Amino acid sequence: MREIVHIQAGQCGNQIGTKFWEVISDEHGIDPTGGYAGDSALQLERINVYYNESSSQKYVPRAVLVDLEPGTMDSVRSGPFGQLFRPDNFIFGNCSLSQIPLLVGAIVLYKFHGH
């Protein structure tokens, strides 16, 4: 089974990425809060390629969102699927050095675990 870490960067990347998650969520029957609201077992097949399932049975995108300005992140958070993402997966502005390993780790996971 392959797992994908989705990295979206900048205003354009985050706008396109947010739409991507809306479409993927719709295809898999995931509602804007991460709950399963589908009507077919086929929707849950291979759902773990894009999502992690939390202990509360919510589906969370395996994504890292990056931007230099917090405005784009605020738009994502306040949008219809803003609750879908984990708050610590947003990296923006003057990020601390402690957030850099998260991004590097995500890239390494994708590069080596995904192939």
PDB file of N, CA and C in Angstrom:
ATOM      1  N   MET A   1       0.853  -1.183   0.000  1.00  0.00           N
ATOM      2  CA  MET A   1       0.000   0.000   0.000  1.00  0.00           C
ATOM      3  C   MET A   1       0.893   1.238   0.000  1.00  0.00           C
ATOM      4  N   ARG A   2       0.627   2.140  -0.879  1.00  0.00           N
ATOM      5  CA  ARG A   2       1.368   3.398  -0.930  1.00  0.00           C
ATOM      6  C   ARG A   2       0.627   4.465  -0.151  1.00  0.00           C
ATOM      7  N   GLU A   3       1.404   5.325   0.483  1.00  0.00           N
ATOM      8  CA  GLU A   3       0.837   6.458   1.200  1.00  0.00           C
ATOM      9  C   GLU A   3       1.422   7.722   0.606  1.00  0.00           C
ATOM     10  N   ILE A   4       0.607   8.742   0.493  1.00  0.00           N
ATOM     11  CA  ILE A   4       1.030   9.999  -0.111  1.00  0.00           C
ATOM     12  C   ILE A   4       0.999  11.095   0.933  1.00  0.00           C
ATOM     13  N   VAL A   5       2.078  11.878   0.981  1.00  0.00           N
ATOM     14  CA  VAL A   5       2.093  13.098   1.779  1.00  0.00           C
ATOM     15  C   VAL A   5       1.917  14.241   0.798  1.00  0.00           C
ATOM     16  N   HIS A   6       0.848  14.973   0.958  1.00  0.00           N
ATOM     17  CA  HIS A   6       0.502  16.060   0.048  1.00  0.00           C
ATOM     18  C   HIS A   6       1.105  17.350   0.600  1.00  0.00           C
ATOM     19  N   ILE A   7       1.988  17.990  -0.167  1.00  0.00           N
ATOM     20  CA  ILE A   7       2.600  19.248   0.253  1.00  0.00           C
ATOM     21  C   ILE A   7       2.088  20.340  -0.664  1.00  0.00           C
ATOM     22  N   GLN A   8       1.465  21.352  -0.067  1.00  0.00           N
ATOM     23  CA  GLN A   8       0.982  22.479  -0.858  1.00  0.00           C
ATOM     24  C   GLN A   8       1.630  23.743  -0.314  1.00  0.00           C
ATOM     25  N   ALA A   9       2.188  24.547  -1.230  1.00  0.00           N
ATOM     26  CA  ALA A   9       2.960  25.715  -0.822  1.00  0.00           C
ATOM     27  C   ALA A   9       2.512  26.956  -1.580  1.00  0.00           C
ATOM     28  N   GLY A  10       2.522  28.081  -0.873  1.00  0.00           N
ATOM     29  CA  GLY A  10       2.171  29.361  -1.468  1.00  0.00           C
ATOM     30  C   GLY A  10       0.673  29.537  -1.621  1.00  0.00           C
ATOM     31  N   GLN A  11       0.293  30.735  -2.032  1.00  0.00           N
ATOM     32  CA  GLN A  11      -1.130  31.041  -2.172  1.00  0.00           C
ATOM     33  C   GLN A  11      -1.785  30.152  -3.226  1.00  0.00           C
ATOM     34  N   CYS A  12      -1.183  30.072  -4.396  1.00  0.00           N
ATOM     35  CA  CYS A  12      -1.760  29.266  -5.479  1.00  0.00           C
ATOM     36  C   CYS A  12      -1.779  27.786  -5.105  1.00  0.00           C
ATOM     37  N   GLY A  13      -0.670  27.289  -4.571  1.00  0.00           N
ATOM     38  CA  GLY A  13      -0.597  25.885  -4.180  1.00  0.00           C
ATOM     39  C   GLY A  13      -1.638  25.520  -3.144  1.00  0.00           C
ATOM     40  N   ASN A  14      -1.871  26.425  -2.200  1.00  0.00           N
ATOM     41  CA  ASN A  14      -2.858  26.153  -1.161  1.00  0.00           C
ATOM     42  C   ASN A  14      -4.290  26.265  -1.681  1.00  0.00           C
ATOM     43  N   GLN A  15      -4.516  27.165  -2.615  1.00  0.00           N
ATOM     44  CA  GLN A  15      -5.860  27.258  -3.197  1.00  0.00           C
ATOM     45  C   GLN A  15      -6.179  26.009  -4.022  1.00  0.00           C
ATOM     46  N   ILE A  16      -5.228  25.583  -4.837  1.00  0.00           N
ATOM     47  CA  ILE A  16      -5.423  24.369  -5.631  1.00  0.00           C
ATOM     48  C   ILE A  16      -5.506  23.152  -4.711  1.00  0.00           C
ATOM     49  N   GLY A  17      -4.620  23.104  -3.717  1.00  0.00           N
ATOM     50  CA  GLY A  17      -4.613  21.986  -2.781  1.00  0.00           C
ATOM     51  C   GLY A  17      -5.902  21.864  -1.999  1.00  0.00           C
ATOM     52  N   THR A  18      -6.462  22.988  -1.590  1.00  0.00           N
ATOM     53  CA  THR A  18      -7.720  22.966  -0.851  1.00  0.00           C
ATOM     54  C   THR A  18      -8.841  22.402  -1.721  1.00  0.00           C
ATOM     55  N   LYS A  19      -8.862  22.804  -2.976  1.00  0.00           N
ATOM     56  CA  LYS A  19      -9.866  22.259  -3.903  1.00  0.00           C
ATOM     57  C   LYS A  19      -9.643  20.761  -4.111  1.00  0.00           C
ATOM     58  N   PHE A  20      -8.387  20.353  -4.197  1.00  0.00           N
ATOM     59  CA  PHE A  20      -8.055  18.931  -4.318  1.00  0.00           C
ATOM     60  C   PHE A  20      -8.668  18.140  -3.160  1.00  0.00           C
ATOM     61  N   TRP A  21      -8.508  18.655  -1.924  1.00  0.00           N
ATOM     62  CA  TRP A  21      -9.037  17.939  -0.758  1.00  0.00           C
ATOM     63  C   TRP A  21     -10.559  17.931  -0.744  1.00  0.00           C
ATOM     64  N   GLU A  22     -11.174  18.974  -1.259  1.00  0.00           N
ATOM     65  CA  GLU A  22     -12.638  18.977  -1.364  1.00  0.00           C
ATOM     66  C   GLU A  22     -13.108  17.863  -2.307  1.00  0.00           C
ATOM     67  N   VAL A  23     -12.437  17.734  -3.448  1.00  0.00           N
ATOM     68  CA  VAL A  23     -12.817  16.724  -4.442  1.00  0.00           C
ATOM     69  C   VAL A  23     -12.544  15.314  -3.914  1.00  0.00           C
ATOM     70  N   ILE A  24     -11.350  15.094  -3.363  1.00  0.00           N
ATOM     71  CA  ILE A  24     -10.998  13.773  -2.826  1.00  0.00           C
ATOM     72  C   ILE A  24     -11.940  13.396  -1.687  1.00  0.00           C
ATOM     73  N   SER A  25     -12.256  14.355  -0.830  1.00  0.00           N
ATOM     74  CA  SER A  25     -13.172  14.088   0.285  1.00  0.00           C
ATOM     75  C   SER A  25     -14.550  13.696  -0.226  1.00  0.00           C
ATOM     76  N   ASP A  26     -15.013  14.400  -1.243  1.00  0.00           N
ATOM     77  CA  ASP A  26     -16.317  14.074  -1.823  1.00  0.00           C
ATOM     78  C   ASP A  26     -16.311  12.666  -2.424  1.00  0.00           C
ATOM     79  N   GLU A  27     -15.245  12.330  -3.144  1.00  0.00           N
ATOM     80  CA  GLU A  27     -15.150  11.009  -3.763  1.00  0.00           C
ATOM     81  C   GLU A  27     -15.137   9.887  -2.730  1.00  0.00           C
ATOM     82  N   HIS A  28     -14.519  10.153  -1.570  1.00  0.00           N
ATOM     83  CA  HIS A  28     -14.411   9.124  -0.532  1.00  0.00           C
ATOM     84  C   HIS A  28     -15.512   9.211   0.524  1.00  0.00           C
ATOM     85  N   GLY A  29     -16.441  10.150   0.368  1.00  0.00           N
ATOM     86  CA  GLY A  29     -17.544  10.264   1.316  1.00  0.00           C
ATOM     87  C   GLY A  29     -17.146  10.868   2.648  1.00  0.00           C
ATOM     88  N   ILE A  30     -16.126  11.719   2.643  1.00  0.00           N
ATOM     89  CA  ILE A  30     -15.652  12.363   3.871  1.00  0.00           C
ATOM     90  C   ILE A  30     -16.287  13.741   3.966  1.00  0.00           C
ATOM     91  N   ASP A  31     -16.914  14.028   5.103  1.00  0.00           N
ATOM     92  CA  ASP A  31     -17.547  15.338   5.279  1.00  0.00           C
ATOM     93  C   ASP A  31     -16.507  16.374   5.720  1.00  0.00           C
ATOM     94  N   PRO A  32     -16.865  17.661   5.754  1.00  0.00           N
ATOM     95  CA  PRO A  32     -15.899  18.718   6.076  1.00  0.00           C
ATOM     96  C   PRO A  32     -15.258  18.620   7.465  1.00  0.00           C
ATOM     97  N   THR A  33     -15.806  17.799   8.349  1.00  0.00           N
ATOM     98  CA  THR A  33     -15.187  17.632   9.672  1.00  0.00           C
ATOM     99  C   THR A  33     -14.325  16.381   9.741  1.00  0.00           C
ATOM    100  N   GLY A  34     -14.247  15.618   8.654  1.00  0.00           N
ATOM    101  CA  GLY A  34     -13.428  14.412   8.617  1.00  0.00           C
ATOM    102  C   GLY A  34     -14.184  13.132   8.905  1.00  0.00           C
ATOM    103  N   GLY A  35     -15.473  13.228   9.125  1.00  0.00           N
ATOM    104  CA  GLY A  35     -16.284  12.033   9.373  1.00  0.00           C
ATOM    105  C   GLY A  35     -16.689  11.364   8.076  1.00  0.00           C
ATOM    106  N   TYR A  36     -16.901  10.056   8.143  1.00  0.00           N
ATOM    107  CA  TYR A  36     -17.355   9.333   6.957  1.00  0.00           C
ATOM    108  C   TYR A  36     -18.858   9.503   6.832  1.00  0.00           C
ATOM    109  N   ALA A  37     -19.299   9.994   5.680  1.00  0.00           N
ATOM    110  CA  ALA A  37     -20.725  10.206   5.428  1.00  0.00           C
ATOM    111  C   ALA A  37     -21.136   9.565   4.110  1.00  0.00           C
ATOM    112  N   GLY A  38     -20.319   8.635   3.642  1.00  0.00           N
ATOM    113  CA  GLY A  38     -20.579   8.004   2.354  1.00  0.00           C
ATOM    114  C   GLY A  38     -21.629   6.924   2.433  1.00  0.00           C
ATOM    115  N   ASP A  39     -21.874   6.323   1.275  1.00  0.00           N
ATOM    116  CA  ASP A  39     -22.910   5.298   1.197  1.00  0.00           C
ATOM    117  C   ASP A  39     -22.437   4.031   0.484  1.00  0.00           C
ATOM    118  N   SER A  40     -21.127   3.886   0.329  1.00  0.00           N
ATOM    119  CA  SER A  40     -20.604   2.728  -0.380  1.00  0.00           C
ATOM    120  C   SER A  40     -19.283   2.282   0.247  1.00  0.00           C
ATOM    121  N   ALA A  41     -19.135   0.994   0.420  1.00  0.00           N
ATOM    122  CA  ALA A  41     -17.882   0.455   0.957  1.00  0.00           C
ATOM    123  C   ALA A  41     -16.709   0.751   0.027  1.00  0.00           C
ATOM    124  N   LEU A  42     -16.986   0.940  -1.256  1.00  0.00           N
ATOM    125  CA  LEU A  42     -15.926   1.272  -2.214  1.00  0.00           C
ATOM    126  C   LEU A  42     -15.245   2.595  -1.872  1.00  0.00           C
ATOM    127  N   GLN A  43     -15.990   3.508  -1.248  1.00  0.00           N
ATOM    128  CA  GLN A  43     -15.416   4.809  -0.906  1.00  0.00           C
ATOM    129  C   GLN A  43     -14.308   4.685   0.136  1.00  0.00           C
ATOM    130  N   LEU A  44     -14.350   3.648   0.952  1.00  0.00           N
ATOM    131  CA  LEU A  44     -13.344   3.477   1.997  1.00  0.00           C
ATOM    132  C   LEU A  44     -12.141   2.651   1.539  1.00  0.00           C
ATOM    133  N   GLU A  45     -12.229   2.069   0.340  1.00  0.00           N
ATOM    134  CA  GLU A  45     -11.086   1.323  -0.175  1.00  0.00           C
ATOM    135  C   GLU A  45      -9.933   2.274  -0.456  1.00  0.00           C
ATOM    136  N   ARG A  46      -8.794   1.922   0.033  1.00  0.00           N
ATOM    137  CA  ARG A  46      -7.559   2.695  -0.166  1.00  0.00           C
ATOM    138  C   ARG A  46      -7.654   4.134   0.342  1.00  0.00           C
ATOM    139  N   ILE A  47      -8.527   4.384   1.278  1.00  0.00           N
ATOM    140  CA  ILE A  47      -8.654   5.734   1.825  1.00  0.00           C
ATOM    141  C   ILE A  47      -7.391   6.136   2.577  1.00  0.00           C
ATOM    142  N   ASN A  48      -6.650   5.121   3.067  1.00  0.00           N
ATOM    143  CA  ASN A  48      -5.435   5.430   3.820  1.00  0.00           C
ATOM    144  C   ASN A  48      -4.275   5.868   2.931  1.00  0.00           C
ATOM    145  N   VAL A  49      -4.484   5.938   1.626  1.00  0.00           N
ATOM    146  CA  VAL A  49      -3.462   6.505   0.746  1.00  0.00           C
ATOM    147  C   VAL A  49      -3.344   8.005   1.001  1.00  0.00           C
ATOM    148  N   TYR A  50      -4.463   8.670   1.214  1.00  0.00           N
ATOM    149  CA  TYR A  50      -4.479  10.119   1.406  1.00  0.00           C
ATOM    150  C   TYR A  50      -4.765  10.556   2.839  1.00  0.00           C
ATOM    151  N   TYR A  51      -5.395   9.711   3.627  1.00  0.00           N
ATOM    152  CA  TYR A  51      -5.853  10.104   4.960  1.00  0.00           C
ATOM    153  C   TYR A  51      -5.274   9.203   6.045  1.00  0.00           C
ATOM    154  N   ASN A  52      -5.098   9.773   7.227  1.00  0.00           N
ATOM    155  CA  ASN A  52      -4.862   9.004   8.443  1.00  0.00           C
ATOM    156  C   ASN A  52      -6.184   8.944   9.178  1.00  0.00           C
ATOM    157  N   GLU A  53      -6.474   7.811   9.786  1.00  0.00           N
ATOM    158  CA  GLU A  53      -7.691   7.697  10.587  1.00  0.00           C
ATOM    159  C   GLU A  53      -7.330   7.920  12.048  1.00  0.00           C
ATOM    160  N   SER A  54      -7.991   8.880  12.676  1.00  0.00           N
ATOM    161  CA  SER A  54      -7.711   9.190  14.078  1.00  0.00           C
ATOM    162  C   SER A  54      -8.418   8.196  14.990  1.00  0.00           C
ATOM    163  N   SER A  55      -8.080   8.246  16.266  1.00  0.00           N
ATOM    164  CA  SER A  55      -8.707   7.344  17.237  1.00  0.00           C
ATOM    165  C   SER A  55     -10.201   7.628  17.385  1.00  0.00           C
ATOM    166  N   SER A  56     -10.620   8.834  17.014  1.00  0.00           N
ATOM    167  CA  SER A  56     -12.044   9.184  17.087  1.00  0.00           C
ATOM    168  C   SER A  56     -12.764   8.909  15.762  1.00  0.00           C
ATOM    169  N   GLN A  57     -12.140   8.090  14.916  1.00  0.00           N
ATOM    170  CA  GLN A  57     -12.683   7.685  13.619  1.00  0.00           C
ATOM    171  C   GLN A  57     -12.956   8.870  12.692  1.00  0.00           C
ATOM    172  N   LYS A  58     -12.081   9.845  12.746  1.00  0.00           N
ATOM    173  CA  LYS A  58     -12.104  10.960  11.805  1.00  0.00           C
ATOM    174  C   LYS A  58     -10.961  10.748  10.820  1.00  0.00           C
ATOM    175  N   TYR A  59     -11.176  11.165   9.598  1.00  0.00           N
ATOM    176  CA  TYR A  59     -10.149  11.048   8.576  1.00  0.00           C
ATOM    177  C   TYR A  59      -9.459  12.395   8.413  1.00  0.00           C
ATOM    178  N   VAL A  60      -8.132  12.381   8.546  1.00  0.00           N
ATOM    179  CA  VAL A  60      -7.330  13.602   8.513  1.00  0.00           C
ATOM    180  C   VAL A  60      -6.389  13.528   7.313  1.00  0.00           C
ATOM    181  N   PRO A  61      -6.397  14.549   6.449  1.00  0.00           N
ATOM    182  CA  PRO A  61      -5.504  14.526   5.290  1.00  0.00           C
ATOM    183  C   PRO A  61      -4.042  14.433   5.710  1.00  0.00           C
ATOM    184  N   ARG A  62      -3.298  13.636   4.999  1.00  0.00           N
ATOM    185  CA  ARG A  62      -1.859  13.565   5.214  1.00  0.00           C
ATOM    186  C   ARG A  62      -1.264  14.688   4.366  1.00  0.00           C
ATOM    187  N   ALA A  63      -1.257  15.892   4.940  1.00  0.00           N
ATOM    188  CA  ALA A  63      -0.888  17.086   4.178  1.00  0.00           C
ATOM    189  C   ALA A  63      -0.075  18.053   5.025  1.00  0.00           C
ATOM    190  N   VAL A  64       0.792  18.791   4.353  1.00  0.00           N
ATOM    191  CA  VAL A  64       1.529  19.890   4.962  1.00  0.00           C
ATOM    192  C   VAL A  64       1.217  21.122   4.127  1.00  0.00           C
ATOM    193  N   LEU A  65       0.751  22.182   4.782  1.00  0.00           N
ATOM    194  CA  LEU A  65       0.384  23.424   4.103  1.00  0.00           C
ATOM    195  C   LEU A  65       1.392  24.494   4.489  1.00  0.00           C
ATOM    196  N   VAL A  66       2.031  25.107   3.489  1.00  0.00           N
ATOM    197  CA  VAL A  66       3.121  26.046   3.733  1.00  0.00           C
ATOM    198  C   VAL A  66       2.842  27.362   3.021  1.00  0.00           C
ATOM    199  N   ASP A  67       3.091  28.471   3.713  1.00  0.00           N
ATOM    200  CA  ASP A  67       3.013  29.792   3.081  1.00  0.00           C
ATOM    201  C   ASP A  67       3.770  30.795   3.933  1.00  0.00           C
ATOM    202  N   LEU A  68       4.245  31.855   3.300  1.00  0.00           N
ATOM    203  CA  LEU A  68       4.959  32.902   4.023  1.00  0.00           C
ATOM    204  C   LEU A  68       4.016  33.846   4.747  1.00  0.00           C
ATOM    205  N   GLU A  69       2.773  33.900   4.295  1.00  0.00           N
ATOM    206  CA  GLU A  69       1.807  34.809   4.907  1.00  0.00           C
ATOM    207  C   GLU A  69       0.692  34.004   5.559  1.00  0.00           C
ATOM    208  N   PRO A  70       0.271  34.408   6.751  1.00  0.00           N
ATOM    209  CA  PRO A  70      -0.794  33.664   7.425  1.00  0.00           C
ATOM    210  C   PRO A  70      -2.166  33.843   6.780  1.00  0.00           C
ATOM    211  N   GLY A  71      -2.337  34.843   5.916  1.00  0.00           N
ATOM    212  CA  GLY A  71      -3.637  35.109   5.300  1.00  0.00           C
ATOM    213  C   GLY A  71      -4.181  33.935   4.507  1.00  0.00           C
ATOM    214  N   THR A  72      -3.315  33.282   3.752  1.00  0.00           N
ATOM    215  CA  THR A  72      -3.748  32.124   2.972  1.00  0.00           C
ATOM    216  C   THR A  72      -4.202  30.996   3.893  1.00  0.00           C
ATOM    217  N   MET A  73      -3.446  30.780   4.959  1.00  0.00           N
ATOM    218  CA  MET A  73      -3.804  29.727   5.919  1.00  0.00           C
ATOM    219  C   MET A  73      -5.123  30.055   6.623  1.00  0.00           C
ATOM    220  N   ASP A  74      -5.325  31.336   6.917  1.00  0.00           N
ATOM    221  CA  ASP A  74      -6.589  31.749   7.537  1.00  0.00           C
ATOM    222  C   ASP A  74      -7.763  31.466   6.607  1.00  0.00           C
ATOM    223  N   SER A  75      -7.554  31.684   5.302  1.00  0.00           N
ATOM    224  CA  SER A  75      -8.608  31.395   4.320  1.00  0.00           C
ATOM    225  C   SER A  75      -8.924  29.907   4.278  1.00  0.00           C
ATOM    226  N   VAL A  76      -7.890  29.081   4.333  1.00  0.00           N
ATOM    227  CA  VAL A  76      -8.102  27.629   4.326  1.00  0.00           C
ATOM    228  C   VAL A  76      -8.858  27.216   5.586  1.00  0.00           C
ATOM    229  N   ARG A  77      -8.403  27.706   6.735  1.00  0.00           N
ATOM    230  CA  ARG A  77      -9.030  27.334   8.017  1.00  0.00           C
ATOM    231  C   ARG A  77     -10.487  27.760   8.102  1.00  0.00           C
ATOM    232  N   SER A  78     -10.801  28.923   7.532  1.00  0.00           N
ATOM    233  CA  SER A  78     -12.172  29.427   7.620  1.00  0.00           C
ATOM    234  C   SER A  78     -13.053  28.923   6.477  1.00  0.00           C
ATOM    235  N   GLY A  79     -12.458  28.203   5.534  1.00  0.00           N
ATOM    236  CA  GLY A  79     -13.215  27.662   4.405  1.00  0.00           C
ATOM    237  C   GLY A  79     -14.044  26.453   4.805  1.00  0.00           C
ATOM    238  N   PRO A  80     -14.804  25.920   3.845  1.00  0.00           N
ATOM    239  CA  PRO A  80     -15.716  24.813   4.147  1.00  0.00           C
ATOM    240  C   PRO A  80     -15.021  23.547   4.661  1.00  0.00           C
ATOM    241  N   PHE A  81     -13.776  23.310   4.275  1.00  0.00           N
ATOM    242  CA  PHE A  81     -13.058  22.115   4.719  1.00  0.00           C
ATOM    243  C   PHE A  81     -11.915  22.451   5.677  1.00  0.00           C
ATOM    244  N   GLY A  82     -11.968  23.615   6.296  1.00  0.00           N
ATOM    245  CA  GLY A  82     -10.909  24.055   7.200  1.00  0.00           C
ATOM    246  C   GLY A  82     -10.708  23.172   8.415  1.00  0.00           C
ATOM    247  N   GLN A  83     -11.777  22.537   8.891  1.00  0.00           N
ATOM    248  CA  GLN A  83     -11.669  21.664  10.069  1.00  0.00           C
ATOM    249  C   GLN A  83     -11.063  20.308   9.735  1.00  0.00           C
ATOM    250  N   LEU A  84     -10.909  20.031   8.461  1.00  0.00           N
ATOM    251  CA  LEU A  84     -10.382  18.741   8.026  1.00  0.00           C
ATOM    252  C   LEU A  84      -8.903  18.582   8.381  1.00  0.00           C
ATOM    253  N   PHE A  85      -8.159  19.691   8.379  1.00  0.00           N
ATOM    254  CA  PHE A  85      -6.710  19.650   8.560  1.00  0.00           C
ATOM    255  C   PHE A  85      -6.309  19.754  10.026  1.00  0.00           C
ATOM    256  N   ARG A  86      -5.198  19.115  10.362  1.00  0.00           N
ATOM    257  CA  ARG A  86      -4.632  19.251  11.707  1.00  0.00           C
ATOM    258  C   ARG A  86      -3.983  20.626  11.817  1.00  0.00           C
ATOM    259  N   PRO A  87      -4.188  21.330  12.917  1.00  0.00           N
ATOM    260  CA  PRO A  87      -3.603  22.670  13.075  1.00  0.00           C
ATOM    261  C   PRO A  87      -2.079  22.685  12.989  1.00  0.00           C
ATOM    262  N   ASP A  88      -1.417  21.628  13.446  1.00  0.00           N
ATOM    263  CA  ASP A  88       0.045  21.634  13.407  1.00  0.00           C
ATOM    264  C   ASP A  88       0.612  21.285  12.033  1.00  0.00           C
ATOM    265  N   ASN A  89      -0.234  21.074  11.038  1.00  0.00           N
ATOM    266  CA  ASN A  89       0.236  20.850   9.675  1.00  0.00           C
ATOM    267  C   ASN A  89       0.305  22.139   8.863  1.00  0.00           C
ATOM    268  N   PHE A  90      -0.028  23.260   9.496  1.00  0.00           N
ATOM    269  CA  PHE A  90       0.076  24.572   8.859  1.00  0.00           C
ATOM    270  C   PHE A  90       1.423  25.179   9.242  1.00  0.00           C
ATOM    271  N   ILE A  91       2.233  25.523   8.245  1.00  0.00           N
ATOM    272  CA  ILE A  91       3.510  26.189   8.485  1.00  0.00           C
ATOM    273  C   ILE A  91       3.466  27.498   7.718  1.00  0.00           C
ATOM    274  N   PHE A  92       3.595  28.619   8.442  1.00  0.00           N
ATOM    275  CA  PHE A  92       3.489  29.906   7.755  1.00  0.00           C
ATOM    276  C   PHE A  92       4.350  30.966   8.417  1.00  0.00           C
ATOM    277  N   GLY A  93       4.593  32.027   7.631  1.00  0.00           N
ATOM    278  CA  GLY A  93       5.285  33.214   8.125  1.00  0.00           C
ATOM    279  C   GLY A  93       6.620  32.922   8.758  1.00  0.00           C
ATOM    280  N   ASN A  94       6.837  33.540   9.877  1.00  0.00           N
ATOM    281  CA  ASN A  94       8.083  33.376  10.609  1.00  0.00           C
ATOM    282  C   ASN A  94       8.031  32.092  11.425  1.00  0.00           C
ATOM    283  N   CYS A  95       8.071  30.980  10.729  1.00  0.00           N
ATOM    284  CA  CYS A  95       7.975  29.708  11.439  1.00  0.00           C
ATOM    285  C   CYS A  95       9.234  29.484  12.260  1.00  0.00           C
ATOM    286  N   SER A  96       9.071  28.788  13.347  1.00  0.00           N
ATOM    287  CA  SER A  96      10.213  28.505  14.204  1.00  0.00           C
ATOM    288  C   SER A  96      11.028  27.374  13.596  1.00  0.00           C
ATOM    289  N   LEU A  97      12.260  27.295  14.014  1.00  0.00           N
ATOM    290  CA  LEU A  97      13.113  26.230  13.509  1.00  0.00           C
ATOM    291  C   LEU A  97      12.577  24.855  13.883  1.00  0.00           C
ATOM    292  N   SER A  98      11.768  24.793  14.919  1.00  0.00           N
ATOM    293  CA  SER A  98      11.228  23.494  15.332  1.00  0.00           C
ATOM    294  C   SER A  98      10.228  22.946  14.321  1.00  0.00           C
ATOM    295  N   GLN A  99       9.672  23.797  13.445  1.00  0.00           N
ATOM    296  CA  GLN A  99       8.717  23.325  12.449  1.00  0.00           C
ATOM    297  C   GLN A  99       9.392  22.793  11.192  1.00  0.00           C
ATOM    298  N   ILE A 100      10.632  23.144  10.971  1.00  0.00           N
ATOM    299  CA  ILE A 100      11.329  22.724   9.756  1.00  0.00           C
ATOM    300  C   ILE A 100      11.467  21.201   9.669  1.00  0.00           C
ATOM    301  N   PRO A 101      11.816  20.498  10.763  1.00  0.00           N
ATOM    302  CA  PRO A 101      11.886  19.031  10.641  1.00  0.00           C
ATOM    303  C   PRO A 101      10.571  18.389  10.215  1.00  0.00           C
ATOM    304  N   LEU A 102       9.443  18.981  10.562  1.00  0.00           N
ATOM    305  CA  LEU A 102       8.150  18.445  10.131  1.00  0.00           C
ATOM    306  C   LEU A 102       8.078  18.423   8.612  1.00  0.00           C
ATOM    307  N   LEU A 103       8.449  19.534   7.986  1.00  0.00           N
ATOM    308  CA  LEU A 103       8.401  19.612   6.527  1.00  0.00           C
ATOM    309  C   LEU A 103       9.424  18.675   5.903  1.00  0.00           C
ATOM    310  N   VAL A 104      10.651  18.703   6.402  1.00  0.00           N
ATOM    311  CA  VAL A 104      11.695  17.832   5.865  1.00  0.00           C
ATOM    312  C   VAL A 104      11.304  16.369   6.071  1.00  0.00           C
ATOM    313  N   GLY A 105      10.776  16.051   7.246  1.00  0.00           N
ATOM    314  CA  GLY A 105      10.341  14.683   7.529  1.00  0.00           C
ATOM    315  C   GLY A 105       9.242  14.234   6.597  1.00  0.00           C
ATOM    316  N   ALA A 106       8.316  15.129   6.287  1.00  0.00           N
ATOM    317  CA  ALA A 106       7.223  14.790   5.376  1.00  0.00           C
ATOM    318  C   ALA A 106       7.761  14.494   3.984  1.00  0.00           C
ATOM    319  N   ILE A 107       8.716  15.283   3.541  1.00  0.00           N
ATOM    320  CA  ILE A 107       9.301  15.069   2.218  1.00  0.00           C
ATOM    321  C   ILE A 107      10.059  13.744   2.188  1.00  0.00           C
ATOM    322  N   VAL A 108      10.824  13.480   3.229  1.00  0.00           N
ATOM    323  CA  VAL A 108      11.587  12.233   3.292  1.00  0.00           C
ATOM    324  C   VAL A 108      10.649  11.029   3.328  1.00  0.00           C
ATOM    325  N   LEU A 109       9.580  11.110   4.118  1.00  0.00           N
ATOM    326  CA  LEU A 109       8.609  10.014   4.175  1.00  0.00           C
ATOM    327  C   LEU A 109       8.035   9.724   2.800  1.00  0.00           C
ATOM    328  N   TYR A 110       7.674  10.780   2.096  1.00  0.00           N
ATOM    329  CA  TYR A 110       7.100  10.595   0.765  1.00  0.00           C
ATOM    330  C   TYR A 110       8.133   9.986  -0.176  1.00  0.00           C
ATOM    331  N   LYS A 111       9.329  10.529  -0.147  1.00  0.00           N
ATOM    332  CA  LYS A 111      10.372  10.113  -1.079  1.00  0.00           C
ATOM    333  C   LYS A 111      10.752   8.649  -0.889  1.00  0.00           C
ATOM    334  N   PHE A 112      10.946   8.237   0.358  1.00  0.00           N
ATOM    335  CA  PHE A 112      11.464   6.897   0.593  1.00  0.00           C
ATOM    336  C   PHE A 112      10.385   5.872   0.923  1.00  0.00           C
ATOM    337  N   HIS A 113       9.343   6.283   1.593  1.00  0.00           N
ATOM    338  CA  HIS A 113       8.296   5.333   1.955  1.00  0.00           C
ATOM    339  C   HIS A 113       7.294   5.156   0.816  1.00  0.00           C
ATOM    340  N   GLY A 114       7.141   6.194   0.011  1.00  0.00           N
ATOM    341  CA  GLY A 114       6.147   6.159  -1.054  1.00  0.00           C
ATOM    342  C   GLY A 114       6.578   5.405  -2.295  1.00  0.00           C
ATOM    343  N   HIS A 115       7.855   5.068  -2.400  1.00  0.00           N
ATOM    344  CA  HIS A 115       8.333   4.369  -3.609  1.00  0.00           C
ATOM    345  C   HIS A 115       8.693   2.951  -3.327  1.00  0.00           C
TER     346      HIS A 115
END
